[in-house]
PDB file of all heavy atoms in Angstrom:
ATOM      1  N   GLY A   1     -43.395 -13.278  -2.004  1.00  0.00           N
ATOM      2  CA  GLY A   1     -42.620 -12.139  -2.068  1.00  0.00           C
ATOM      3  C   GLY A   1     -43.323 -10.848  -1.859  1.00  0.00           C
ATOM      4  O   GLY A   1     -44.528 -10.806  -1.855  1.00  0.00           O
ATOM      5  N   CYS A   2     -42.650  -9.814  -1.965  1.00  0.00           N
ATOM      6  CA  CYS A   2     -43.234  -8.468  -1.829  1.00  0.00           C
ATOM      7  C   CYS A   2     -44.200  -8.271  -2.915  1.00  0.00           C
ATOM      8  O   CYS A   2     -44.037  -8.698  -4.063  1.00  0.00           O
ATOM      9  CB  CYS A   2     -42.278  -7.311  -1.810  1.00  0.00           C
ATOM     10  SG  CYS A   2     -41.040  -7.497  -0.430  1.00  0.00           S
ATOM     11  N   SER A   3     -45.220  -7.406  -2.733  1.00  0.00           N
ATOM     12  CA  SER A   3     -46.084  -7.151  -3.751  1.00  0.00           C
ATOM     13  C   SER A   3     -45.640  -6.087  -4.729  1.00  0.00           C
ATOM     14  O   SER A   3     -44.663  -5.305  -4.255  1.00  0.00           O
ATOM     15  CB  SER A   3     -47.509  -6.735  -3.226  1.00  0.00           C
ATOM     16  OG  SER A   3     -47.289  -5.395  -2.673  1.00  0.00           O
ATOM     17  N   SER A   4     -46.039  -6.003  -5.920  1.00  0.00           N
ATOM     18  CA  SER A   4     -45.498  -5.081  -6.939  1.00  0.00           C
ATOM     19  C   SER A   4     -46.477  -3.926  -6.942  1.00  0.00           C
ATOM     20  O   SER A   4     -47.758  -4.055  -6.879  1.00  0.00           O
ATOM     21  CB  SER A   4     -45.365  -5.767  -8.279  1.00  0.00           C
ATOM     22  OG  SER A   4     -45.117  -4.891  -9.266  1.00  0.00           O
ATOM     23  N   THR A   5     -46.089  -2.796  -7.263  1.00  0.00           N
ATOM     24  CA  THR A   5     -46.775  -1.652  -7.414  1.00  0.00           C
ATOM     25  C   THR A   5     -46.969  -1.271  -8.821  1.00  0.00           C
ATOM     26  O   THR A   5     -47.687  -0.369  -9.227  1.00  0.00           O
ATOM     27  CB  THR A   5     -46.540  -0.404  -6.575  1.00  0.00           C
ATOM     28  OG1 THR A   5     -45.105  -0.058  -6.956  1.00  0.00           O
ATOM     29  CG2 THR A   5     -46.615  -0.706  -5.058  1.00  0.00           C
ATOM     30  N   GLY A   6     -46.081  -1.892  -9.573  1.00  0.00           N
ATOM     31  CA  GLY A   6     -46.044  -1.564 -11.142  1.00  0.00           C
ATOM     32  C   GLY A   6     -47.177  -2.444 -11.794  1.00  0.00           C
ATOM     33  O   GLY A   6     -47.886  -3.212 -11.217  1.00  0.00           O
ATOM     34  N   SER A   7     -47.261  -2.215 -13.144  1.00  0.00           N
ATOM     35  CA  SER A   7     -48.333  -2.953 -13.803  1.00  0.00           C
ATOM     36  C   SER A   7     -47.562  -3.860 -14.921  1.00  0.00           C
ATOM     37  O   SER A   7     -46.457  -3.618 -15.282  1.00  0.00           O
ATOM     38  CB  SER A   7     -49.298  -1.970 -14.457  1.00  0.00           C
ATOM     39  OG  SER A   7     -48.712  -1.381 -15.397  1.00  0.00           O
ATOM     40  N   SER A   8     -48.209  -5.006 -15.280  1.00  0.00           N
ATOM     41  CA  SER A   8     -47.653  -5.714 -16.369  1.00  0.00           C
ATOM     42  C   SER A   8     -48.919  -6.231 -17.119  1.00  0.00           C
ATOM     43  O   SER A   8     -49.980  -6.098 -16.901  1.00  0.00           O
ATOM     44  CB  SER A   8     -47.022  -6.991 -15.552  1.00  0.00           C
ATOM     45  OG  SER A   8     -47.959  -7.697 -14.856  1.00  0.00           O
ATOM     46  N   ASP A   9     -48.533  -6.871 -18.161  1.00  0.00           N
ATOM     47  CA  ASP A   9     -49.554  -7.521 -19.147  1.00  0.00           C
ATOM     48  C   ASP A   9     -50.187  -8.701 -18.426  1.00  0.00           C
ATOM     49  O   ASP A   9     -49.522  -9.549 -18.020  1.00  0.00           O
ATOM     50  CB  ASP A   9     -48.802  -7.862 -20.445  1.00  0.00           C
ATOM     51  CG  ASP A   9     -49.781  -8.600 -21.408  1.00  0.00           C
ATOM     52  OD1 ASP A   9     -51.085  -8.431 -21.260  1.00  0.00           O
ATOM     53  OD2 ASP A   9     -49.319  -9.264 -22.378  1.00  0.00           O
ATOM     54  N   THR A  10     -51.527  -8.674 -18.317  1.00  0.00           N
ATOM     55  CA  THR A  10     -52.218  -9.711 -17.559  1.00  0.00           C
ATOM     56  C   THR A  10     -53.176 -10.484 -18.548  1.00  0.00           C
ATOM     57  O   THR A  10     -53.924 -11.093 -18.195  1.00  0.00           O
ATOM     58  CB  THR A  10     -53.072  -9.096 -16.421  1.00  0.00           C
ATOM     59  OG1 THR A  10     -54.096  -8.205 -17.072  1.00  0.00           O
ATOM     60  CG2 THR A  10     -52.300  -8.375 -15.410  1.00  0.00           C
ATOM     61  N   SER A  11     -52.734 -10.444 -19.892  1.00  0.00           N
ATOM     62  CA  SER A  11     -53.617 -11.179 -20.835  1.00  0.00           C
ATOM     63  C   SER A  11     -53.262 -12.523 -20.836  1.00  0.00           C
ATOM     64  O   SER A  11     -53.704 -13.411 -21.810  1.00  0.00           O
ATOM     65  CB  SER A  11     -53.508 -10.513 -22.233  1.00  0.00           C
ATOM     66  OG  SER A  11     -52.126 -10.513 -22.635  1.00  0.00           O
ATOM     67  N   SER A  12     -52.389 -13.220 -19.999  1.00  0.00           N
ATOM     68  CA  SER A  12     -51.942 -14.546 -20.206  1.00  0.00           C
ATOM     69  C   SER A  12     -53.113 -15.445 -19.959  1.00  0.00           C
ATOM     70  O   SER A  12     -53.804 -15.398 -18.991  1.00  0.00           O
ATOM     71  CB  SER A  12     -50.944 -14.869 -19.008  1.00  0.00           C
ATOM     72  OG  SER A  12     -50.712 -16.239 -18.848  1.00  0.00           O
ATOM     73  N   SER A  13     -53.302 -16.498 -20.903  1.00  0.00           N
ATOM     74  CA  SER A  13     -54.316 -17.352 -20.884  1.00  0.00           C
ATOM     75  C   SER A  13     -54.117 -18.386 -19.629  1.00  0.00           C
ATOM     76  O   SER A  13     -55.005 -19.154 -19.245  1.00  0.00           O
ATOM     77  CB  SER A  13     -54.620 -18.200 -21.985  1.00  0.00           C
ATOM     78  OG  SER A  13     -53.489 -18.826 -22.518  1.00  0.00           O
ATOM     79  N   ALA A  14     -52.929 -18.482 -19.092  1.00  0.00           N
ATOM     80  CA  ALA A  14     -52.472 -19.345 -18.069  1.00  0.00           C
ATOM     81  C   ALA A  14     -52.990 -18.999 -16.659  1.00  0.00           C
ATOM     82  O   ALA A  14     -53.124 -19.694 -15.780  1.00  0.00           O
ATOM     83  CB  ALA A  14     -51.009 -19.511 -17.926  1.00  0.00           C
ATOM     84  N   SER A  15     -53.494 -17.686 -16.656  1.00  0.00           N
ATOM     85  CA  SER A  15     -53.939 -17.036 -15.397  1.00  0.00           C
ATOM     86  C   SER A  15     -55.275 -16.604 -15.565  1.00  0.00           C
ATOM     87  O   SER A  15     -55.436 -15.134 -15.639  1.00  0.00           O
ATOM     88  CB  SER A  15     -52.897 -16.126 -14.830  1.00  0.00           C
ATOM     89  OG  SER A  15     -51.683 -16.680 -14.555  1.00  0.00           O
ATOM     90  N   PRO A  16     -56.375 -17.250 -15.672  1.00  0.00           N
ATOM     91  CA  PRO A  16     -57.713 -16.632 -15.927  1.00  0.00           C
ATOM     92  C   PRO A  16     -58.024 -15.668 -14.818  1.00  0.00           C
ATOM     93  O   PRO A  16     -57.693 -16.051 -13.672  1.00  0.00           O
ATOM     94  CB  PRO A  16     -58.624 -17.892 -15.983  1.00  0.00           C
ATOM     95  CG  PRO A  16     -57.745 -19.105 -15.981  1.00  0.00           C
ATOM     96  CD  PRO A  16     -56.413 -18.762 -15.562  1.00  0.00           C
ATOM     97  N   LYS A  17     -58.760 -14.724 -15.093  1.00  0.00           N
ATOM     98  CA  LYS A  17     -59.291 -13.893 -14.072  1.00  0.00           C
ATOM     99  C   LYS A  17     -60.414 -13.009 -14.497  1.00  0.00           C
ATOM    100  O   LYS A  17     -60.785 -13.195 -15.730  1.00  0.00           O
ATOM    101  CB  LYS A  17     -58.215 -12.838 -13.648  1.00  0.00           C
ATOM    102  CG  LYS A  17     -57.840 -11.834 -14.708  1.00  0.00           C
ATOM    103  CD  LYS A  17     -56.902 -10.669 -14.336  1.00  0.00           C
ATOM    104  CE  LYS A  17     -56.750  -9.801 -15.473  1.00  0.00           C
ATOM    105  NZ  LYS A  17     -55.870  -8.706 -15.182  1.00  0.00           N
ATOM    106  N   ALA A  18     -61.116 -12.518 -13.597  1.00  0.00           N
ATOM    107  CA  ALA A  18     -62.294 -11.707 -13.958  1.00  0.00           C
ATOM    108  C   ALA A  18     -62.409 -10.463 -13.064  1.00  0.00           C
ATOM    109  O   ALA A  18     -61.953 -10.598 -11.889  1.00  0.00           O
ATOM    110  CB  ALA A  18     -63.593 -12.524 -13.700  1.00  0.00           C
ATOM    111  N   THR A  19     -62.971  -9.461 -13.564  1.00  0.00           N
ATOM    112  CA  THR A  19     -63.088  -8.279 -12.736  1.00  0.00           C
ATOM    113  C   THR A  19     -64.542  -7.758 -12.821  1.00  0.00           C
ATOM    114  O   THR A  19     -65.168  -8.157 -13.690  1.00  0.00           O
ATOM    115  CB  THR A  19     -62.176  -7.057 -13.140  1.00  0.00           C
ATOM    116  OG1 THR A  19     -62.550  -6.686 -14.474  1.00  0.00           O
ATOM    117  CG2 THR A  19     -60.641  -7.504 -13.064  1.00  0.00           C
ATOM    118  N   SER A  20     -64.905  -7.280 -11.834  1.00  0.00           N
ATOM    119  CA  SER A  20     -66.355  -6.852 -11.768  1.00  0.00           C
ATOM    120  C   SER A  20     -66.522  -5.295 -11.795  1.00  0.00           C
ATOM    121  O   SER A  20     -65.624  -4.630 -11.161  1.00  0.00           O
ATOM    122  CB  SER A  20     -66.946  -7.293 -10.444  1.00  0.00           C
ATOM    123  OG  SER A  20     -68.210  -6.799 -10.288  1.00  0.00           O
ATOM    124  N   SER A  21     -67.408  -4.884 -12.596  1.00  0.00           N
ATOM    125  CA  SER A  21     -67.459  -3.280 -12.612  1.00  0.00           C
ATOM    126  C   SER A  21     -68.414  -2.876 -11.525  1.00  0.00           C
ATOM    127  O   SER A  21     -68.562  -1.648 -11.439  1.00  0.00           O
ATOM    128  CB  SER A  21     -67.840  -2.888 -14.042  1.00  0.00           C
ATOM    129  OG  SER A  21     -69.178  -3.517 -14.366  1.00  0.00           O
ATOM    130  N   ALA A  22     -68.964  -3.751 -10.844  1.00  0.00           N
ATOM    131  CA  ALA A  22     -69.996  -3.331  -9.880  1.00  0.00           C
ATOM    132  C   ALA A  22     -69.144  -2.560  -8.751  1.00  0.00           C
ATOM    133  O   ALA A  22     -68.126  -2.929  -8.375  1.00  0.00           O
ATOM    134  CB  ALA A  22     -70.615  -4.572  -9.221  1.00  0.00           C
ATOM    135  N   ALA A  23     -69.709  -1.472  -8.241  1.00  0.00           N
ATOM    136  CA  ALA A  23     -69.123  -0.724  -7.262  1.00  0.00           C
ATOM    137  C   ALA A  23     -69.144  -1.359  -5.789  1.00  0.00           C
ATOM    138  O   ALA A  23     -70.248  -1.808  -5.402  1.00  0.00           O
ATOM    139  CB  ALA A  23     -69.829   0.734  -7.110  1.00  0.00           C
ATOM    140  N   VAL A  24     -67.988  -1.575  -5.247  1.00  0.00           N
ATOM    141  CA  VAL A  24     -67.961  -2.164  -3.948  1.00  0.00           C
ATOM    142  C   VAL A  24     -67.140  -1.183  -3.121  1.00  0.00           C
ATOM    143  O   VAL A  24     -66.100  -0.711  -3.511  1.00  0.00           O
ATOM    144  CB  VAL A  24     -67.138  -3.621  -4.063  1.00  0.00           C
ATOM    145  CG1 VAL A  24     -66.946  -4.062  -2.763  1.00  0.00           C
ATOM    146  CG2 VAL A  24     -67.986  -4.495  -4.849  1.00  0.00           C
ATOM    147  N   ALA A  25     -67.499  -1.036  -1.897  1.00  0.00           N
ATOM    148  CA  ALA A  25     -66.777  -0.164  -1.051  1.00  0.00           C
ATOM    149  C   ALA A  25     -65.424  -0.637  -0.735  1.00  0.00           C
ATOM    150  O   ALA A  25     -65.144  -1.717  -0.530  1.00  0.00           O
ATOM    151  CB  ALA A  25     -67.535   0.016   0.213  1.00  0.00           C
ATOM    152  N   PRO A  26     -64.399   0.379  -0.796  1.00  0.00           N
ATOM    153  CA  PRO A  26     -63.012  -0.049  -0.394  1.00  0.00           C
ATOM    154  C   PRO A  26     -62.938  -0.571   0.973  1.00  0.00           C
ATOM    155  O   PRO A  26     -63.864  -0.255   1.826  1.00  0.00           O
ATOM    156  CB  PRO A  26     -62.223   1.164  -0.568  1.00  0.00           C
ATOM    157  CG  PRO A  26     -62.916   2.134  -1.562  1.00  0.00           C
ATOM    158  CD  PRO A  26     -64.453   1.716  -1.163  1.00  0.00           C
ATOM    159  N   ALA A  27     -61.981  -1.483   1.231  1.00  0.00           N
ATOM    160  CA  ALA A  27     -61.847  -2.058   2.519  1.00  0.00           C
ATOM    161  C   ALA A  27     -61.882  -1.243   3.759  1.00  0.00           C
ATOM    162  O   ALA A  27     -62.273  -1.617   4.731  1.00  0.00           O
ATOM    163  CB  ALA A  27     -60.478  -2.909   2.536  1.00  0.00           C
ATOM    164  N   GLU A  28     -61.386   0.031   3.710  1.00  0.00           N
ATOM    165  CA  GLU A  28     -61.283   0.916   4.749  1.00  0.00           C
ATOM    166  C   GLU A  28     -62.628   1.590   5.204  1.00  0.00           C
ATOM    167  O   GLU A  28     -62.692   2.114   6.200  1.00  0.00           O
ATOM    168  CB  GLU A  28     -60.163   2.088   4.531  1.00  0.00           C
ATOM    169  CG  GLU A  28     -60.446   3.232   3.651  1.00  0.00           C
ATOM    170  CD  GLU A  28     -60.309   2.928   2.206  1.00  0.00           C
ATOM    171  OE1 GLU A  28     -59.965   1.776   1.776  1.00  0.00           O
ATOM    172  OE2 GLU A  28     -60.366   3.821   1.511  1.00  0.00           O
ATOM    173  N   LYS A  29     -63.612   1.399   4.353  1.00  0.00           N
ATOM    174  CA  LYS A  29     -64.872   2.017   4.654  1.00  0.00           C
ATOM    175  C   LYS A  29     -65.767   1.085   5.523  1.00  0.00           C
ATOM    176  O   LYS A  29     -65.703  -0.074   5.354  1.00  0.00           O
ATOM    177  CB  LYS A  29     -65.578   2.328   3.366  1.00  0.00           C
ATOM    178  CG  LYS A  29     -64.906   3.477   2.607  1.00  0.00           C
ATOM    179  CD  LYS A  29     -65.744   3.931   1.459  1.00  0.00           C
ATOM    180  CE  LYS A  29     -65.153   5.105   0.708  1.00  0.00           C
ATOM    181  NZ  LYS A  29     -65.790   5.551  -0.346  1.00  0.00           N
ATOM    182  N   PRO A  30     -66.584   1.742   6.412  1.00  0.00           N
ATOM    183  CA  PRO A  30     -67.487   0.830   7.307  1.00  0.00           C
ATOM    184  C   PRO A  30     -68.391  -0.005   6.367  1.00  0.00           C
ATOM    185  O   PRO A  30     -68.761   0.411   5.338  1.00  0.00           O
ATOM    186  CB  PRO A  30     -68.213   1.855   8.029  1.00  0.00           C
ATOM    187  CG  PRO A  30     -67.445   3.257   7.959  1.00  0.00           C
ATOM    188  CD  PRO A  30     -66.648   3.050   6.661  1.00  0.00           C
ATOM    189  N   GLY A  31     -68.451  -1.273   6.706  1.00  0.00           N
ATOM    190  CA  GLY A  31     -69.289  -2.070   6.093  1.00  0.00           C
ATOM    191  C   GLY A  31     -68.600  -2.969   4.986  1.00  0.00           C
ATOM    192  O   GLY A  31     -69.312  -3.889   4.485  1.00  0.00           O
ATOM    193  N   ALA A  32     -67.270  -2.671   4.708  1.00  0.00           N
ATOM    194  CA  ALA A  32     -66.696  -3.488   3.843  1.00  0.00           C
ATOM    195  C   ALA A  32     -66.338  -4.795   4.396  1.00  0.00           C
ATOM    196  O   ALA A  32     -66.139  -4.984   5.673  1.00  0.00           O
ATOM    197  CB  ALA A  32     -65.359  -2.792   3.536  1.00  0.00           C
ATOM    198  N   LEU A  33     -66.197  -5.892   3.540  1.00  0.00           N
ATOM    199  CA  LEU A  33     -65.979  -7.143   4.055  1.00  0.00           C
ATOM    200  C   LEU A  33     -64.557  -7.377   4.460  1.00  0.00           C
ATOM    201  O   LEU A  33     -63.639  -6.843   3.742  1.00  0.00           O
ATOM    202  CB  LEU A  33     -66.428  -8.215   2.978  1.00  0.00           C
ATOM    203  CG  LEU A  33     -67.806  -8.273   2.495  1.00  0.00           C
ATOM    204  CD1 LEU A  33     -67.902  -9.323   1.328  1.00  0.00           C
ATOM    205  CD2 LEU A  33     -68.788  -8.573   3.658  1.00  0.00           C
ATOM    206  N   THR A  34     -64.401  -8.217   5.418  1.00  0.00           N
ATOM    207  CA  THR A  34     -62.977  -8.786   5.707  1.00  0.00           C
ATOM    208  C   THR A  34     -62.747  -9.927   4.922  1.00  0.00           C
ATOM    209  O   THR A  34     -63.921 -10.546   4.347  1.00  0.00           O
ATOM    210  CB  THR A  34     -62.903  -9.096   7.275  1.00  0.00           C
ATOM    211  OG1 THR A  34     -63.652 -10.263   7.561  1.00  0.00           O
ATOM    212  CG2 THR A  34     -63.200  -7.987   8.143  1.00  0.00           C
ATOM    213  N   ALA A  35     -61.574 -10.485   4.859  1.00  0.00           N
ATOM    214  CA  ALA A  35     -61.485 -11.728   4.163  1.00  0.00           C
ATOM    215  C   ALA A  35     -62.091 -12.918   4.708  1.00  0.00           C
ATOM    216  O   ALA A  35     -62.715 -13.669   3.845  1.00  0.00           O
ATOM    217  CB  ALA A  35     -59.884 -11.953   3.983  1.00  0.00           C
ATOM    218  N   GLN A  36     -62.238 -13.028   6.019  1.00  0.00           N
ATOM    219  CA  GLN A  36     -63.003 -14.068   6.562  1.00  0.00           C
ATOM    220  C   GLN A  36     -64.495 -14.015   6.280  1.00  0.00           C
ATOM    221  O   GLN A  36     -65.102 -14.924   5.775  1.00  0.00           O
ATOM    222  CB  GLN A  36     -62.891 -13.993   8.129  1.00  0.00           C
ATOM    223  CG  GLN A  36     -63.598 -15.192   8.798  1.00  0.00           C
ATOM    224  CD  GLN A  36     -63.312 -15.261  10.307  1.00  0.00           C
ATOM    225  OE1 GLN A  36     -62.724 -14.336  10.900  1.00  0.00           O
ATOM    226  NE2 GLN A  36     -63.788 -16.120  11.051  1.00  0.00           N
ATOM    227  N   GLN A  37     -65.128 -12.748   6.262  1.00  0.00           N
ATOM    228  CA  GLN A  37     -66.323 -12.641   5.938  1.00  0.00           C
ATOM    229  C   GLN A  37     -66.699 -12.823   4.317  1.00  0.00           C
ATOM    230  O   GLN A  37     -67.720 -13.538   3.948  1.00  0.00           O
ATOM    231  CB  GLN A  37     -66.981 -11.151   6.058  1.00  0.00           C
ATOM    232  CG  GLN A  37     -66.863 -10.877   7.590  1.00  0.00           C
ATOM    233  CD  GLN A  37     -67.128  -9.470   7.909  1.00  0.00           C
ATOM    234  OE1 GLN A  37     -66.630  -8.422   6.987  1.00  0.00           O
ATOM    235  NE2 GLN A  37     -67.727  -9.062   9.056  1.00  0.00           N
ATOM    236  N   ALA A  38     -65.784 -12.530   3.546  1.00  0.00           N
ATOM    237  CA  ALA A  38     -65.861 -12.920   2.150  1.00  0.00           C
ATOM    238  C   ALA A  38     -65.745 -14.385   1.845  1.00  0.00           C
ATOM    239  O   ALA A  38     -66.520 -14.939   1.028  1.00  0.00           O
ATOM    240  CB  ALA A  38     -64.642 -12.035   1.295  1.00  0.00           C
ATOM    241  N   VAL A  39     -64.912 -15.017   2.448  1.00  0.00           N
ATOM    242  CA  VAL A  39     -64.921 -16.419   2.515  1.00  0.00           C
ATOM    243  C   VAL A  39     -66.209 -17.096   2.965  1.00  0.00           C
ATOM    244  O   VAL A  39     -66.809 -18.050   2.170  1.00  0.00           O
ATOM    245  CB  VAL A  39     -63.729 -17.122   3.238  1.00  0.00           C
ATOM    246  CG1 VAL A  39     -63.855 -18.653   3.412  1.00  0.00           C
ATOM    247  CG2 VAL A  39     -62.310 -16.721   2.709  1.00  0.00           C
ATOM    248  N   ALA A  40     -66.788 -16.597   4.008  1.00  0.00           N
ATOM    249  CA  ALA A  40     -68.163 -17.083   4.414  1.00  0.00           C
ATOM    250  C   ALA A  40     -69.116 -16.832   3.411  1.00  0.00           C
ATOM    251  O   ALA A  40     -69.989 -17.693   3.075  1.00  0.00           O
ATOM    252  CB  ALA A  40     -68.482 -16.358   5.675  1.00  0.00           C
TER     253      ALA A  40
END
């Protein structure tokens, strides 16, 4: 379905996740990875 732009509680233990505080260039900037490059 469509993506949501709202926020919700993501503390569910059923959906583990991790975020990185390392600065990574947004996708629209030159040098940013595509999904295919990220999988590689």
